[in-house]
């Protein structure tokens, strides 16, 4: 066989190879290279799917509640763990503190005052299994319980108690709400009454009351000051009365204070002691010179 003949035979064989592979693939033969590739891709996808369903990662602040064929297994985490794919399922629960804003609630206090109050509730999940199994939506349930309890506590309190004893109201709200949510595995850590909205008429009445209270305290303080000053003046008068020279010294001190102001007119007060002699002499003269008053005459009585 010549070299040219062998070349033609080899060329024909190589040309027939791809045609045979294509024919096998069209006929559904498993020896088709494309079928083998598809099977390998399907196996790889299946392994990735199984691994994704079996491997679970839970953060430090989360827990995974595991159910096996509908039955509760327990909570797992944090970190990496495995579950049985399509047999076990997981639901994540966040354990961090949740800040819940309670909408403004309109209530009537015990002294018949209508007001609106909103609050903030701080709570967290302490038992993930109970939070999933025993209540459908623990966040919504906690919000509704907080609203109802807020209206109830406000209805049992007076307005003055609500405004002055805010801390006691907060503690009472926290205890009542936590007692009801404890069965769900939810712990209420704190409740804060944020804003109390009063009607305009009540605000004006409270403003008048506060103003009257301030005026009352001002008058009491002024009266106490006047009383203390009068006591001090009485003590000073006793000292001056016991020492006549003290009045003269006070007189000279007053003249010094007046002269320091550089006034053009200075009034010199005359001590009353200087006039007592003249007043006493005039009174004695009037007593000596005055004639005694005649006795009233008695009219004669008629004799029957």
Foldseek 3Di string as FASTA:
>chain_A
DDPVVVVVVVVVVVVVVVVVLVVCVVVVHCVRPVNVVVVVVVVVVVVVVQVVQFKDAADPQKWKFKDFQNHTDAIDDHGIGTDHGPGMDIDMFGFDKDKDKADWDWAAACVGFTKTWIKIWIKGAQGVVLLVPVDPHLVVVLNVLLRVLVRVLRHHHDPVCCVPVQVVSWVVSQVVSQVVCVSSRMHTDTMHTDDMGGDPVVVVVVVVVVVVVVVVVVVVVVVVVVVVVVVVVVVVVVVCVVPVVVVVVVLVVVVVVVVVVVDPDDDRDDDVVVCPVVVVVVVVVVVVPDDDDDDDDDDDDDDD
